[in-house]
């Protein structure tokens, strides 16, 4: 029986995690095993990546740590780390070079890596395997609100028109346009019409579609399966694409995938990102549009139409409505300003 996309991803992540764990202190393996039932494979992989940077930093900058090969660092060493060490690490993260490549982190990247350290230390602290918890004593970097970058209503229409016509594509791009036009239109219509994540989109199988109810089953972050609904315009685009998709013989192991690449394999997250970038550049050169920005476009439009932040959170799959509220705070402020102008205390133009 063919494994699902999500089963394959889970296996790939597990194999990557095993390889990365060999480069980390041996006690890290206990952390990964201990958090297996409360985290996704993707989250544990992100932990491993962040811990790799942390221990590399310590190995380069801490004289005691330098005495050990990283896999041989004892768990007792964690109690030697101070809050100042953590703060120096966070400062290091702003810009550093690894394997000849320069890396940078903004305040959100630094905040996420601090959160990884807190989870790591909290695990061993609760198990009473260490006495101190320095990351818990370090303040989280202040996160400044970022403007929501999204497509305006006319830009959405222009984007879909460009997919259909291909007028502004290069000659090289046009050579493949007729073969991919219906697929690209269906994929972009689905992203714009539902707000699903790109990882959820590429994981859709043909049998996940339900045209009786205009719904599609997607796997949310954390593994939950939900039905997301779409309108008739999206349904029409999907049905047009399915006519040619069902005639395509996919490569073995990809037979159930809804969206196929030119190589007849399930499209990857990266390939969808490149697709979105290709068409978005034809519509706007100012905004850097990614699949996530299409998700923001849907969320903004839904909030403007309904004013219901809880509905937006539910449809987008946010576990915490405060996440949604932070992202759409500017929209809420604009609605409040508009409401203030609607209330008139005295008729204009009349003498007192």
C-alpha atoms as a PDB file:
ATOM      1  CA  UNK A   1       0.000   0.000   0.000  1.00  0.00           C
ATOM      2  CA  UNK A   2       1.352   3.404  -0.993  1.00  0.00           C
ATOM      3  CA  UNK A   3       2.434   5.520   1.961  1.00  0.00           C
ATOM      4  CA  UNK A   4       0.782   8.903   2.300  1.00  0.00           C
ATOM      5  CA  UNK A   5       2.753  12.095   1.816  1.00  0.00           C
ATOM      6  CA  UNK A   6       2.646  12.789   5.540  1.00  0.00           C
ATOM      7  CA  UNK A   7       3.868   9.302   6.421  1.00  0.00           C
ATOM      8  CA  UNK A   8       6.791   9.752   4.021  1.00  0.00           C
ATOM      9  CA  UNK A   9       7.626  13.170   5.481  1.00  0.00           C
ATOM     10  CA  UNK A  10       7.550  11.733   9.000  1.00  0.00           C
ATOM     11  CA  UNK A  11       9.958   8.944   8.005  1.00  0.00           C
ATOM     12  CA  UNK A  12      12.303  11.365   6.217  1.00  0.00           C
ATOM     13  CA  UNK A  13      12.318  13.686   9.238  1.00  0.00           C
ATOM     14  CA  UNK A  14      13.040  10.791  11.585  1.00  0.00           C
ATOM     15  CA  UNK A  15      16.024   9.697   9.494  1.00  0.00           C
ATOM     16  CA  UNK A  16      17.334  13.275   9.363  1.00  0.00           C
ATOM     17  CA  UNK A  17      16.899  13.578  13.131  1.00  0.00           C
ATOM     18  CA  UNK A  18      18.927  10.402  13.743  1.00  0.00           C
ATOM     19  CA  UNK A  19      21.745  11.725  11.572  1.00  0.00           C
ATOM     20  CA  UNK A  20      21.744  15.142  13.281  1.00  0.00           C
ATOM     21  CA  UNK A  21      21.569  13.593  16.766  1.00  0.00           C
ATOM     22  CA  UNK A  22      24.922  11.877  16.160  1.00  0.00           C
ATOM     23  CA  UNK A  23      26.546  15.332  15.973  1.00  0.00           C
ATOM     24  CA  UNK A  24      24.996  16.459  19.281  1.00  0.00           C
ATOM     25  CA  UNK A  25      25.795  15.549  22.916  1.00  0.00           C
ATOM     26  CA  UNK A  26      24.533  12.032  23.579  1.00  0.00           C
ATOM     27  CA  UNK A  27      22.088  13.139  26.270  1.00  0.00           C
ATOM     28  CA  UNK A  28      20.133  15.073  23.610  1.00  0.00           C
ATOM     29  CA  UNK A  29      18.740  11.751  22.411  1.00  0.00           C
ATOM     30  CA  UNK A  30      16.817  11.440  25.694  1.00  0.00           C
ATOM     31  CA  UNK A  31      15.238  14.844  25.006  1.00  0.00           C
ATOM     32  CA  UNK A  32      14.088  13.785  21.524  1.00  0.00           C
ATOM     33  CA  UNK A  33      12.667  10.501  22.830  1.00  0.00           C
ATOM     34  CA  UNK A  34      11.018  12.175  25.803  1.00  0.00           C
ATOM     35  CA  UNK A  35       9.225  14.742  23.670  1.00  0.00           C
ATOM     36  CA  UNK A  36       8.206  12.359  20.879  1.00  0.00           C
ATOM     37  CA  UNK A  37       4.597  12.040  22.049  1.00  0.00           C
ATOM     38  CA  UNK A  38       4.042  15.782  22.470  1.00  0.00           C
ATOM     39  CA  UNK A  39       5.800  17.166  19.374  1.00  0.00           C
ATOM     40  CA  UNK A  40       5.779  16.559  15.636  1.00  0.00           C
ATOM     41  CA  UNK A  41       8.776  15.122  13.774  1.00  0.00           C
ATOM     42  CA  UNK A  42       9.204  18.523  12.150  1.00  0.00           C
ATOM     43  CA  UNK A  43       9.404  20.233  15.551  1.00  0.00           C
ATOM     44  CA  UNK A  44      11.997  17.784  16.863  1.00  0.00           C
ATOM     45  CA  UNK A  45      14.028  18.285  13.708  1.00  0.00           C
ATOM     46  CA  UNK A  46      13.923  22.050  14.295  1.00  0.00           C
ATOM     47  CA  UNK A  47      15.071  21.446  17.890  1.00  0.00           C
ATOM     48  CA  UNK A  48      18.020  19.404  16.608  1.00  0.00           C
ATOM     49  CA  UNK A  49      19.003  22.139  14.163  1.00  0.00           C
ATOM     50  CA  UNK A  50      18.835  24.837  16.856  1.00  0.00           C
ATOM     51  CA  UNK A  51      20.753  22.723  19.382  1.00  0.00           C
ATOM     52  CA  UNK A  52      23.442  22.097  16.775  1.00  0.00           C
ATOM     53  CA  UNK A  53      24.014  25.841  16.462  1.00  0.00           C
ATOM     54  CA  UNK A  54      23.976  26.271  20.257  1.00  0.00           C
ATOM     55  CA  UNK A  55      26.581  23.597  20.978  1.00  0.00           C
ATOM     56  CA  UNK A  56      28.763  24.703  18.062  1.00  0.00           C
ATOM     57  CA  UNK A  57      28.751  28.204  19.559  1.00  0.00           C
ATOM     58  CA  UNK A  58      29.716  26.849  22.990  1.00  0.00           C
ATOM     59  CA  UNK A  59      32.423  24.631  21.519  1.00  0.00           C
ATOM     60  CA  UNK A  60      33.985  27.641  19.792  1.00  0.00           C
ATOM     61  CA  UNK A  61      33.647  30.117  22.636  1.00  0.00           C
ATOM     62  CA  UNK A  62      33.611  28.211  25.936  1.00  0.00           C
ATOM     63  CA  UNK A  63      37.045  26.929  27.092  1.00  0.00           C
ATOM     64  CA  UNK A  64      35.540  24.131  29.203  1.00  0.00           C
ATOM     65  CA  UNK A  65      33.292  22.947  26.392  1.00  0.00           C
ATOM     66  CA  UNK A  66      36.225  23.034  23.972  1.00  0.00           C
ATOM     67  CA  UNK A  67      37.914  20.236  25.912  1.00  0.00           C
ATOM     68  CA  UNK A  68      35.267  17.783  24.715  1.00  0.00           C
ATOM     69  CA  UNK A  69      34.184  16.583  21.327  1.00  0.00           C
ATOM     70  CA  UNK A  70      30.583  17.746  21.061  1.00  0.00           C
ATOM     71  CA  UNK A  71      29.030  14.210  21.301  1.00  0.00           C
ATOM     72  CA  UNK A  72      31.012  13.641  24.534  1.00  0.00           C
ATOM     73  CA  UNK A  73      29.848  16.755  26.365  1.00  0.00           C
ATOM     74  CA  UNK A  74      28.362  15.558  29.697  1.00  0.00           C
ATOM     75  CA  UNK A  75      24.931  16.646  30.858  1.00  0.00           C
ATOM     76  CA  UNK A  76      26.554  18.229  33.933  1.00  0.00           C
ATOM     77  CA  UNK A  77      27.983  20.873  31.603  1.00  0.00           C
ATOM     78  CA  UNK A  78      24.476  22.362  31.236  1.00  0.00           C
ATOM     79  CA  UNK A  79      24.700  23.564  34.854  1.00  0.00           C
ATOM     80  CA  UNK A  80      27.824  25.548  33.997  1.00  0.00           C
ATOM     81  CA  UNK A  81      25.927  27.740  31.515  1.00  0.00           C
ATOM     82  CA  UNK A  82      24.818  31.130  32.869  1.00  0.00           C
ATOM     83  CA  UNK A  83      22.135  33.562  31.676  1.00  0.00           C
ATOM     84  CA  UNK A  84      25.000  35.745  30.369  1.00  0.00           C
ATOM     85  CA  UNK A  85      26.185  32.830  28.208  1.00  0.00           C
ATOM     86  CA  UNK A  86      22.675  32.566  26.756  1.00  0.00           C
ATOM     87  CA  UNK A  87      22.556  36.299  26.059  1.00  0.00           C
ATOM     88  CA  UNK A  88      25.944  36.141  24.310  1.00  0.00           C
ATOM     89  CA  UNK A  89      24.614  33.258  22.222  1.00  0.00           C
ATOM     90  CA  UNK A  90      21.534  35.254  21.214  1.00  0.00           C
ATOM     91  CA  UNK A  91      23.773  38.144  20.177  1.00  0.00           C
ATOM     92  CA  UNK A  92      25.926  35.718  18.161  1.00  0.00           C
ATOM     93  CA  UNK A  93      22.815  34.554  16.294  1.00  0.00           C
ATOM     94  CA  UNK A  94      22.327  37.972  14.715  1.00  0.00           C
ATOM     95  CA  UNK A  95      25.115  37.169  12.250  1.00  0.00           C
ATOM     96  CA  UNK A  96      27.518  34.230  12.191  1.00  0.00           C
ATOM     97  CA  UNK A  97      29.421  32.112   9.699  1.00  0.00           C
ATOM     98  CA  UNK A  98      29.151  28.333   9.516  1.00  0.00           C
ATOM     99  CA  UNK A  99      30.867  26.149   6.906  1.00  0.00           C
ATOM    100  CA  UNK A 100      31.826  29.293   5.016  1.00  0.00           C
ATOM    101  CA  UNK A 101      28.229  30.529   4.770  1.00  0.00           C
ATOM    102  CA  UNK A 102      26.988  33.669   6.515  1.00  0.00           C
ATOM    103  CA  UNK A 103      23.755  33.257   8.483  1.00  0.00           C
ATOM    104  CA  UNK A 104      21.566  35.951  10.001  1.00  0.00           C
ATOM    105  CA  UNK A 105      18.548  35.914  12.318  1.00  0.00           C
ATOM    106  CA  UNK A 106      15.989  38.637  12.882  1.00  0.00           C
ATOM    107  CA  UNK A 107      14.227  39.076  16.220  1.00  0.00           C
ATOM    108  CA  UNK A 108      11.732  36.327  15.384  1.00  0.00           C
ATOM    109  CA  UNK A 109      14.459  33.847  14.499  1.00  0.00           C
ATOM    110  CA  UNK A 110      16.322  34.638  17.716  1.00  0.00           C
ATOM    111  CA  UNK A 111      13.122  34.331  19.737  1.00  0.00           C
ATOM    112  CA  UNK A 112      12.383  30.914  18.233  1.00  0.00           C
ATOM    113  CA  UNK A 113      15.866  29.622  19.038  1.00  0.00           C
ATOM    114  CA  UNK A 114      15.524  30.851  22.615  1.00  0.00           C
ATOM    115  CA  UNK A 115      12.214  28.976  22.808  1.00  0.00           C
ATOM    116  CA  UNK A 116      14.008  25.811  21.655  1.00  0.00           C
ATOM    117  CA  UNK A 117      16.598  26.220  24.411  1.00  0.00           C
ATOM    118  CA  UNK A 118      13.870  26.741  27.001  1.00  0.00           C
ATOM    119  CA  UNK A 119      12.111  23.538  25.937  1.00  0.00           C
ATOM    120  CA  UNK A 120      15.440  21.703  26.064  1.00  0.00           C
ATOM    121  CA  UNK A 121      16.420  22.955  29.525  1.00  0.00           C
ATOM    122  CA  UNK A 122      12.881  22.632  30.907  1.00  0.00           C
ATOM    123  CA  UNK A 123      12.831  18.951  29.980  1.00  0.00           C
ATOM    124  CA  UNK A 124      15.993  18.094  31.949  1.00  0.00           C
ATOM    125  CA  UNK A 125      15.118  20.503  34.784  1.00  0.00           C
ATOM    126  CA  UNK A 126      11.735  18.822  35.325  1.00  0.00           C
ATOM    127  CA  UNK A 127      13.468  15.432  35.258  1.00  0.00           C
ATOM    128  CA  UNK A 128      15.806  16.797  37.986  1.00  0.00           C
ATOM    129  CA  UNK A 129      18.830  15.890  35.870  1.00  0.00           C
ATOM    130  CA  UNK A 130      20.123  19.484  36.087  1.00  0.00           C
ATOM    131  CA  UNK A 131      19.895  22.080  38.872  1.00  0.00           C
ATOM    132  CA  UNK A 132      19.727  25.325  36.865  1.00  0.00           C
ATOM    133  CA  UNK A 133      17.583  26.718  34.064  1.00  0.00           C
ATOM    134  CA  UNK A 134      19.376  29.786  32.626  1.00  0.00           C
ATOM    135  CA  UNK A 135      17.254  30.231  29.449  1.00  0.00           C
ATOM    136  CA  UNK A 136      14.239  30.788  31.688  1.00  0.00           C
ATOM    137  CA  UNK A 137      16.012  33.822  33.199  1.00  0.00           C
ATOM    138  CA  UNK A 138      16.654  35.483  29.838  1.00  0.00           C
ATOM    139  CA  UNK A 139      14.101  37.886  28.425  1.00  0.00           C
ATOM    140  CA  UNK A 140      12.525  37.087  25.086  1.00  0.00           C
ATOM    141  CA  UNK A 141      13.528  39.651  22.433  1.00  0.00           C
ATOM    142  CA  UNK A 142      10.842  42.235  21.818  1.00  0.00           C
ATOM    143  CA  UNK A 143       8.990  41.431  18.614  1.00  0.00           C
ATOM    144  CA  UNK A 144       7.927  44.411  16.531  1.00  0.00           C
ATOM    145  CA  UNK A 145       4.692  44.113  14.618  1.00  0.00           C
ATOM    146  CA  UNK A 146       5.208  43.437  10.947  1.00  0.00           C
ATOM    147  CA  UNK A 147       2.945  44.811   8.283  1.00  0.00           C
ATOM    148  CA  UNK A 148       0.855  42.123   6.634  1.00  0.00           C
ATOM    149  CA  UNK A 149       2.013  41.772   3.046  1.00  0.00           C
ATOM    150  CA  UNK A 150      -0.813  40.531   0.858  1.00  0.00           C
ATOM    151  CA  UNK A 151      -2.341  40.896  -2.566  1.00  0.00           C
ATOM    152  CA  UNK A 152      -5.106  43.429  -3.074  1.00  0.00           C
ATOM    153  CA  UNK A 153      -8.366  42.283  -4.663  1.00  0.00           C
ATOM    154  CA  UNK A 154      -7.376  43.565  -8.106  1.00  0.00           C
ATOM    155  CA  UNK A 155      -3.948  41.947  -7.782  1.00  0.00           C
ATOM    156  CA  UNK A 156      -5.557  38.569  -7.050  1.00  0.00           C
ATOM    157  CA  UNK A 157      -7.599  38.882 -10.249  1.00  0.00           C
ATOM    158  CA  UNK A 158      -4.508  39.937 -12.207  1.00  0.00           C
ATOM    159  CA  UNK A 159      -2.534  36.993 -10.831  1.00  0.00           C
ATOM    160  CA  UNK A 160      -5.136  34.436 -11.928  1.00  0.00           C
ATOM    161  CA  UNK A 161      -5.508  36.179 -15.305  1.00  0.00           C
ATOM    162  CA  UNK A 162      -1.759  35.898 -15.842  1.00  0.00           C
ATOM    163  CA  UNK A 163      -1.879  32.177 -15.054  1.00  0.00           C
ATOM    164  CA  UNK A 164      -4.586  31.705 -17.674  1.00  0.00           C
ATOM    165  CA  UNK A 165      -3.066  33.881 -20.407  1.00  0.00           C
ATOM    166  CA  UNK A 166       0.680  33.586 -19.810  1.00  0.00           C
ATOM    167  CA  UNK A 167       1.096  36.839 -21.740  1.00  0.00           C
ATOM    168  CA  UNK A 168       3.998  38.174 -19.678  1.00  0.00           C
ATOM    169  CA  UNK A 169       5.906  34.916 -19.347  1.00  0.00           C
ATOM    170  CA  UNK A 170       9.319  34.524 -20.953  1.00  0.00           C
ATOM    171  CA  UNK A 171       9.620  32.384 -24.090  1.00  0.00           C
ATOM    172  CA  UNK A 172      11.231  29.652 -21.983  1.00  0.00           C
ATOM    173  CA  UNK A 173       8.353  29.732 -19.479  1.00  0.00           C
ATOM    174  CA  UNK A 174       5.770  29.771 -22.267  1.00  0.00           C
ATOM    175  CA  UNK A 175       7.177  26.522 -23.625  1.00  0.00           C
ATOM    176  CA  UNK A 176       5.749  24.710 -20.593  1.00  0.00           C
ATOM    177  CA  UNK A 177       2.762  26.959 -19.900  1.00  0.00           C
ATOM    178  CA  UNK A 178       0.138  24.984 -21.814  1.00  0.00           C
ATOM    179  CA  UNK A 179       1.137  21.821 -19.956  1.00  0.00           C
ATOM    180  CA  UNK A 180       0.961  23.416 -16.504  1.00  0.00           C
ATOM    181  CA  UNK A 181      -1.675  26.137 -16.894  1.00  0.00           C
ATOM    182  CA  UNK A 182      -4.648  24.201 -15.500  1.00  0.00           C
ATOM    183  CA  UNK A 183      -2.573  22.776 -12.674  1.00  0.00           C
ATOM    184  CA  UNK A 184      -1.185  26.180 -11.706  1.00  0.00           C
ATOM    185  CA  UNK A 185      -4.623  27.803 -11.849  1.00  0.00           C
ATOM    186  CA  UNK A 186      -6.144  25.087  -9.670  1.00  0.00           C
ATOM    187  CA  UNK A 187      -3.299  25.224  -7.159  1.00  0.00           C
ATOM    188  CA  UNK A 188      -3.262  29.024  -6.815  1.00  0.00           C
ATOM    189  CA  UNK A 189      -7.065  29.194  -6.686  1.00  0.00           C
ATOM    190  CA  UNK A 190      -7.036  26.639  -3.872  1.00  0.00           C
ATOM    191  CA  UNK A 191      -4.381  28.550  -1.876  1.00  0.00           C
ATOM    192  CA  UNK A 192      -6.164  31.886  -2.363  1.00  0.00           C
ATOM    193  CA  UNK A 193      -9.622  30.438  -1.759  1.00  0.00           C
ATOM    194  CA  UNK A 194      -8.912  28.488   1.423  1.00  0.00           C
ATOM    195  CA  UNK A 195      -5.797  29.959   3.087  1.00  0.00           C
ATOM    196  CA  UNK A 196      -4.263  26.515   3.594  1.00  0.00           C
ATOM    197  CA  UNK A 197      -0.538  26.212   4.224  1.00  0.00           C
ATOM    198  CA  UNK A 198       1.715  25.213   1.343  1.00  0.00           C
ATOM    199  CA  UNK A 199       2.710  22.040   3.244  1.00  0.00           C
ATOM    200  CA  UNK A 200      -0.973  21.167   3.545  1.00  0.00           C
ATOM    201  CA  UNK A 201      -1.519  21.856  -0.149  1.00  0.00           C
ATOM    202  CA  UNK A 202       1.228  19.575  -1.485  1.00  0.00           C
ATOM    203  CA  UNK A 203       0.057  16.790   0.824  1.00  0.00           C
ATOM    204  CA  UNK A 204      -3.428  16.609  -0.711  1.00  0.00           C
ATOM    205  CA  UNK A 205      -4.360  13.364  -2.445  1.00  0.00           C
ATOM    206  CA  UNK A 206      -7.010  13.069  -5.167  1.00  0.00           C
ATOM    207  CA  UNK A 207      -9.318  11.132  -2.826  1.00  0.00           C
ATOM    208  CA  UNK A 208      -9.159  13.987  -0.302  1.00  0.00           C
ATOM    209  CA  UNK A 209     -11.420  16.094  -2.542  1.00  0.00           C
ATOM    210  CA  UNK A 210     -15.193  16.137  -1.946  1.00  0.00           C
ATOM    211  CA  UNK A 211     -17.059  18.056  -4.634  1.00  0.00           C
ATOM    212  CA  UNK A 212     -20.459  17.184  -3.191  1.00  0.00           C
ATOM    213  CA  UNK A 213     -19.695  19.508  -0.276  1.00  0.00           C
ATOM    214  CA  UNK A 214     -16.875  21.518  -1.908  1.00  0.00           C
ATOM    215  CA  UNK A 215     -14.416  20.398   0.720  1.00  0.00           C
ATOM    216  CA  UNK A 216     -10.889  19.020   0.930  1.00  0.00           C
ATOM    217  CA  UNK A 217      -9.247  17.050   3.734  1.00  0.00           C
ATOM    218  CA  UNK A 218      -5.941  18.529   4.871  1.00  0.00           C
ATOM    219  CA  UNK A 219      -3.422  17.558   7.540  1.00  0.00           C
ATOM    220  CA  UNK A 220      -2.804  20.444   9.915  1.00  0.00           C
ATOM    221  CA  UNK A 221       0.391  21.084  11.855  1.00  0.00           C
ATOM    222  CA  UNK A 222       0.451  18.571  14.672  1.00  0.00           C
ATOM    223  CA  UNK A 223      -1.225  15.850  12.603  1.00  0.00           C
ATOM    224  CA  UNK A 224      -4.913  16.762  12.930  1.00  0.00           C
ATOM    225  CA  UNK A 225      -7.101  16.123   9.884  1.00  0.00           C
ATOM    226  CA  UNK A 226      -9.749  18.729   9.058  1.00  0.00           C
ATOM    227  CA  UNK A 227     -12.080  19.497   6.181  1.00  0.00           C
ATOM    228  CA  UNK A 228     -11.533  22.913   4.571  1.00  0.00           C
ATOM    229  CA  UNK A 229     -14.246  24.265   2.294  1.00  0.00           C
ATOM    230  CA  UNK A 230     -13.945  26.196  -0.966  1.00  0.00           C
ATOM    231  CA  UNK A 231     -16.271  28.095  -3.288  1.00  0.00           C
ATOM    232  CA  UNK A 232     -17.560  27.177  -6.745  1.00  0.00           C
ATOM    233  CA  UNK A 233     -14.809  29.149  -8.504  1.00  0.00           C
ATOM    234  CA  UNK A 234     -12.150  27.030  -6.821  1.00  0.00           C
ATOM    235  CA  UNK A 235     -14.187  23.884  -7.508  1.00  0.00           C
ATOM    236  CA  UNK A 236     -14.348  24.701 -11.224  1.00  0.00           C
ATOM    237  CA  UNK A 237     -10.566  25.211 -11.380  1.00  0.00           C
ATOM    238  CA  UNK A 238      -9.951  21.913  -9.587  1.00  0.00           C
ATOM    239  CA  UNK A 239     -12.363  19.994 -11.833  1.00  0.00           C
ATOM    240  CA  UNK A 240     -10.745  21.387 -14.984  1.00  0.00           C
ATOM    241  CA  UNK A 241      -7.346  20.262 -13.717  1.00  0.00           C
ATOM    242  CA  UNK A 242      -8.606  16.829 -12.650  1.00  0.00           C
ATOM    243  CA  UNK A 243      -9.615  16.087 -16.240  1.00  0.00           C
ATOM    244  CA  UNK A 244      -5.942  16.074 -17.257  1.00  0.00           C
ATOM    245  CA  UNK A 245      -4.584  14.860 -13.902  1.00  0.00           C
ATOM    246  CA  UNK A 246      -6.503  11.583 -14.170  1.00  0.00           C
ATOM    247  CA  UNK A 247      -4.950  10.974 -17.586  1.00  0.00           C
ATOM    248  CA  UNK A 248      -1.423  11.383 -16.200  1.00  0.00           C
ATOM    249  CA  UNK A 249       0.454   8.283 -15.125  1.00  0.00           C
ATOM    250  CA  UNK A 250       2.310   9.334 -12.023  1.00  0.00           C
ATOM    251  CA  UNK A 251       5.652   7.861 -11.008  1.00  0.00           C
ATOM    252  CA  UNK A 252       5.354   4.904  -8.642  1.00  0.00           C
ATOM    253  CA  UNK A 253       4.765   6.137  -5.117  1.00  0.00           C
ATOM    254  CA  UNK A 254       3.056   9.323  -6.320  1.00  0.00           C
ATOM    255  CA  UNK A 255      -0.127   7.899  -7.842  1.00  0.00           C
ATOM    256  CA  UNK A 256      -2.460   9.456  -5.288  1.00  0.00           C
ATOM    257  CA  UNK A 257      -0.929  12.961  -5.306  1.00  0.00           C
ATOM    258  CA  UNK A 258      -3.254  15.712  -6.504  1.00  0.00           C
ATOM    259  CA  UNK A 259      -0.649  18.148  -7.774  1.00  0.00           C
ATOM    260  CA  UNK A 260       2.106  16.643  -9.915  1.00  0.00           C
ATOM    261  CA  UNK A 261       5.323  18.180 -11.179  1.00  0.00           C
ATOM    262  CA  UNK A 262       6.517  17.951 -14.786  1.00  0.00           C
ATOM    263  CA  UNK A 263       8.403  14.829 -13.662  1.00  0.00           C
ATOM    264  CA  UNK A 264       5.033  13.265 -12.707  1.00  0.00           C
ATOM    265  CA  UNK A 265       5.951  13.307  -9.007  1.00  0.00           C
ATOM    266  CA  UNK A 266       4.151  15.007  -6.123  1.00  0.00           C
ATOM    267  CA  UNK A 267       4.998  18.700  -6.103  1.00  0.00           C
ATOM    268  CA  UNK A 268       7.271  19.797  -3.277  1.00  0.00           C
ATOM    269  CA  UNK A 269       6.944  22.844  -1.049  1.00  0.00           C
ATOM    270  CA  UNK A 270       9.911  24.368  -2.848  1.00  0.00           C
ATOM    271  CA  UNK A 271       8.368  23.885  -6.292  1.00  0.00           C
ATOM    272  CA  UNK A 272       5.153  25.621  -5.182  1.00  0.00           C
ATOM    273  CA  UNK A 273       7.192  28.495  -3.746  1.00  0.00           C
ATOM    274  CA  UNK A 274       8.934  28.928  -7.114  1.00  0.00           C
ATOM    275  CA  UNK A 275       5.595  28.744  -8.935  1.00  0.00           C
ATOM    276  CA  UNK A 276       4.059  31.471  -6.767  1.00  0.00           C
ATOM    277  CA  UNK A 277       7.128  33.661  -7.173  1.00  0.00           C
ATOM    278  CA  UNK A 278       7.052  33.267 -10.975  1.00  0.00           C
ATOM    279  CA  UNK A 279       3.498  34.511 -11.354  1.00  0.00           C
ATOM    280  CA  UNK A 280       3.554  37.069  -8.512  1.00  0.00           C
ATOM    281  CA  UNK A 281       6.478  38.908 -10.123  1.00  0.00           C
ATOM    282  CA  UNK A 282       4.270  39.526 -13.156  1.00  0.00           C
ATOM    283  CA  UNK A 283       1.726  41.316 -10.963  1.00  0.00           C
ATOM    284  CA  UNK A 284       3.823  43.256  -8.456  1.00  0.00           C
ATOM    285  CA  UNK A 285       7.521  44.038  -8.171  1.00  0.00           C
ATOM    286  CA  UNK A 286       7.132  45.831  -4.841  1.00  0.00           C
ATOM    287  CA  UNK A 287       5.609  43.059  -2.748  1.00  0.00           C
ATOM    288  CA  UNK A 288       7.532  39.839  -2.140  1.00  0.00           C
ATOM    289  CA  UNK A 289       4.729  37.333  -2.491  1.00  0.00           C
ATOM    290  CA  UNK A 290       5.148  33.799  -1.141  1.00  0.00           C
ATOM    291  CA  UNK A 291       2.597  31.019  -0.517  1.00  0.00           C
ATOM    292  CA  UNK A 292       2.310  32.297   3.053  1.00  0.00           C
ATOM    293  CA  UNK A 293       1.409  35.751   1.709  1.00  0.00           C
ATOM    294  CA  UNK A 294      -1.427  34.125  -0.247  1.00  0.00           C
ATOM    295  CA  UNK A 295      -2.573  32.683   3.085  1.00  0.00           C
ATOM    296  CA  UNK A 296      -2.427  36.193   4.564  1.00  0.00           C
ATOM    297  CA  UNK A 297      -4.435  37.473   1.593  1.00  0.00           C
ATOM    298  CA  UNK A 298      -7.198  34.972   2.311  1.00  0.00           C
ATOM    299  CA  UNK A 299      -7.146  35.682   6.064  1.00  0.00           C
ATOM    300  CA  UNK A 300      -7.341  39.439   5.527  1.00  0.00           C
ATOM    301  CA  UNK A 301     -10.203  39.140   3.042  1.00  0.00           C
ATOM    302  CA  UNK A 302     -12.123  36.806   5.359  1.00  0.00           C
ATOM    303  CA  UNK A 303     -11.656  39.124   8.325  1.00  0.00           C
ATOM    304  CA  UNK A 304     -12.718  42.178   6.331  1.00  0.00           C
ATOM    305  CA  UNK A 305     -15.857  40.394   5.182  1.00  0.00           C
ATOM    306  CA  UNK A 306     -16.870  38.905   8.544  1.00  0.00           C
ATOM    307  CA  UNK A 307     -15.094  40.836  11.298  1.00  0.00           C
ATOM    308  CA  UNK A 308     -15.016  37.499  13.158  1.00  0.00           C
ATOM    309  CA  UNK A 309     -11.481  36.874  14.427  1.00  0.00           C
ATOM    310  CA  UNK A 310     -12.507  33.492  15.879  1.00  0.00           C
ATOM    311  CA  UNK A 311     -13.784  32.311  12.504  1.00  0.00           C
ATOM    312  CA  UNK A 312     -10.533  33.415  10.845  1.00  0.00           C
ATOM    313  CA  UNK A 313      -8.496  31.562  13.493  1.00  0.00           C
ATOM    314  CA  UNK A 314     -10.561  28.408  13.014  1.00  0.00           C
ATOM    315  CA  UNK A 315     -10.373  28.417   9.216  1.00  0.00           C
ATOM    316  CA  UNK A 316      -6.629  29.145   9.180  1.00  0.00           C
ATOM    317  CA  UNK A 317      -5.980  26.427  11.754  1.00  0.00           C
ATOM    318  CA  UNK A 318      -4.485  28.671  14.446  1.00  0.00           C
ATOM    319  CA  UNK A 319      -4.504  26.882  17.797  1.00  0.00           C
ATOM    320  CA  UNK A 320      -4.410  30.204  19.666  1.00  0.00           C
ATOM    321  CA  UNK A 321      -6.718  33.013  18.566  1.00  0.00           C
ATOM    322  CA  UNK A 322      -4.159  35.489  19.921  1.00  0.00           C
ATOM    323  CA  UNK A 323      -1.881  34.449  17.056  1.00  0.00           C
ATOM    324  CA  UNK A 324      -4.600  35.507  14.643  1.00  0.00           C
ATOM    325  CA  UNK A 325      -5.318  38.681  16.565  1.00  0.00           C
ATOM    326  CA  UNK A 326      -1.659  39.723  16.480  1.00  0.00           C
ATOM    327  CA  UNK A 327      -1.451  39.100  12.750  1.00  0.00           C
ATOM    328  CA  UNK A 328      -4.609  41.048  11.949  1.00  0.00           C
ATOM    329  CA  UNK A 329      -4.402  43.763  14.608  1.00  0.00           C
ATOM    330  CA  UNK A 330      -3.891  46.448  11.943  1.00  0.00           C
ATOM    331  CA  UNK A 331      -7.052  45.330  10.176  1.00  0.00           C
ATOM    332  CA  UNK A 332      -8.971  45.505  13.446  1.00  0.00           C
ATOM    333  CA  UNK A 333      -7.689  49.026  14.047  1.00  0.00           C
ATOM    334  CA  UNK A 334      -8.789  50.084  10.552  1.00  0.00           C
ATOM    335  CA  UNK A 335     -12.288  48.728  11.207  1.00  0.00           C
ATOM    336  CA  UNK A 336     -12.495  50.653  14.491  1.00  0.00           C
ATOM    337  CA  UNK A 337     -11.455  53.854  12.725  1.00  0.00           C
ATOM    338  CA  UNK A 338     -14.124  53.241  10.092  1.00  0.00           C
ATOM    339  CA  UNK A 339     -16.729  52.659  12.802  1.00  0.00           C
ATOM    340  CA  UNK A 340     -15.874  55.997  14.431  1.00  0.00           C
ATOM    341  CA  UNK A 341     -16.691  57.848  11.206  1.00  0.00           C
ATOM    342  CA  UNK A 342     -20.081  56.176  10.951  1.00  0.00           C
ATOM    343  CA  UNK A 343     -21.366  57.681  14.199  1.00  0.00           C
ATOM    344  CA  UNK A 344     -22.572  61.271  13.709  1.00  0.00           C
ATOM    345  CA  UNK A 345     -23.409  63.407  16.730  1.00  0.00           C
ATOM    346  CA  UNK A 346     -24.958  66.369  14.893  1.00  0.00           C
ATOM    347  CA  UNK A 347     -26.125  66.787  11.343  1.00  0.00           C
ATOM    348  CA  UNK A 348     -23.559  68.609   9.270  1.00  0.00           C
ATOM    349  CA  UNK A 349     -24.431  71.911   7.678  1.00  0.00           C
ATOM    350  CA  UNK A 350     -27.058  72.960  10.242  1.00  0.00           C
ATOM    351  CA  UNK A 351     -26.714  76.097  12.318  1.00  0.00           C
ATOM    352  CA  UNK A 352     -26.611  75.546  16.063  1.00  0.00           C
END
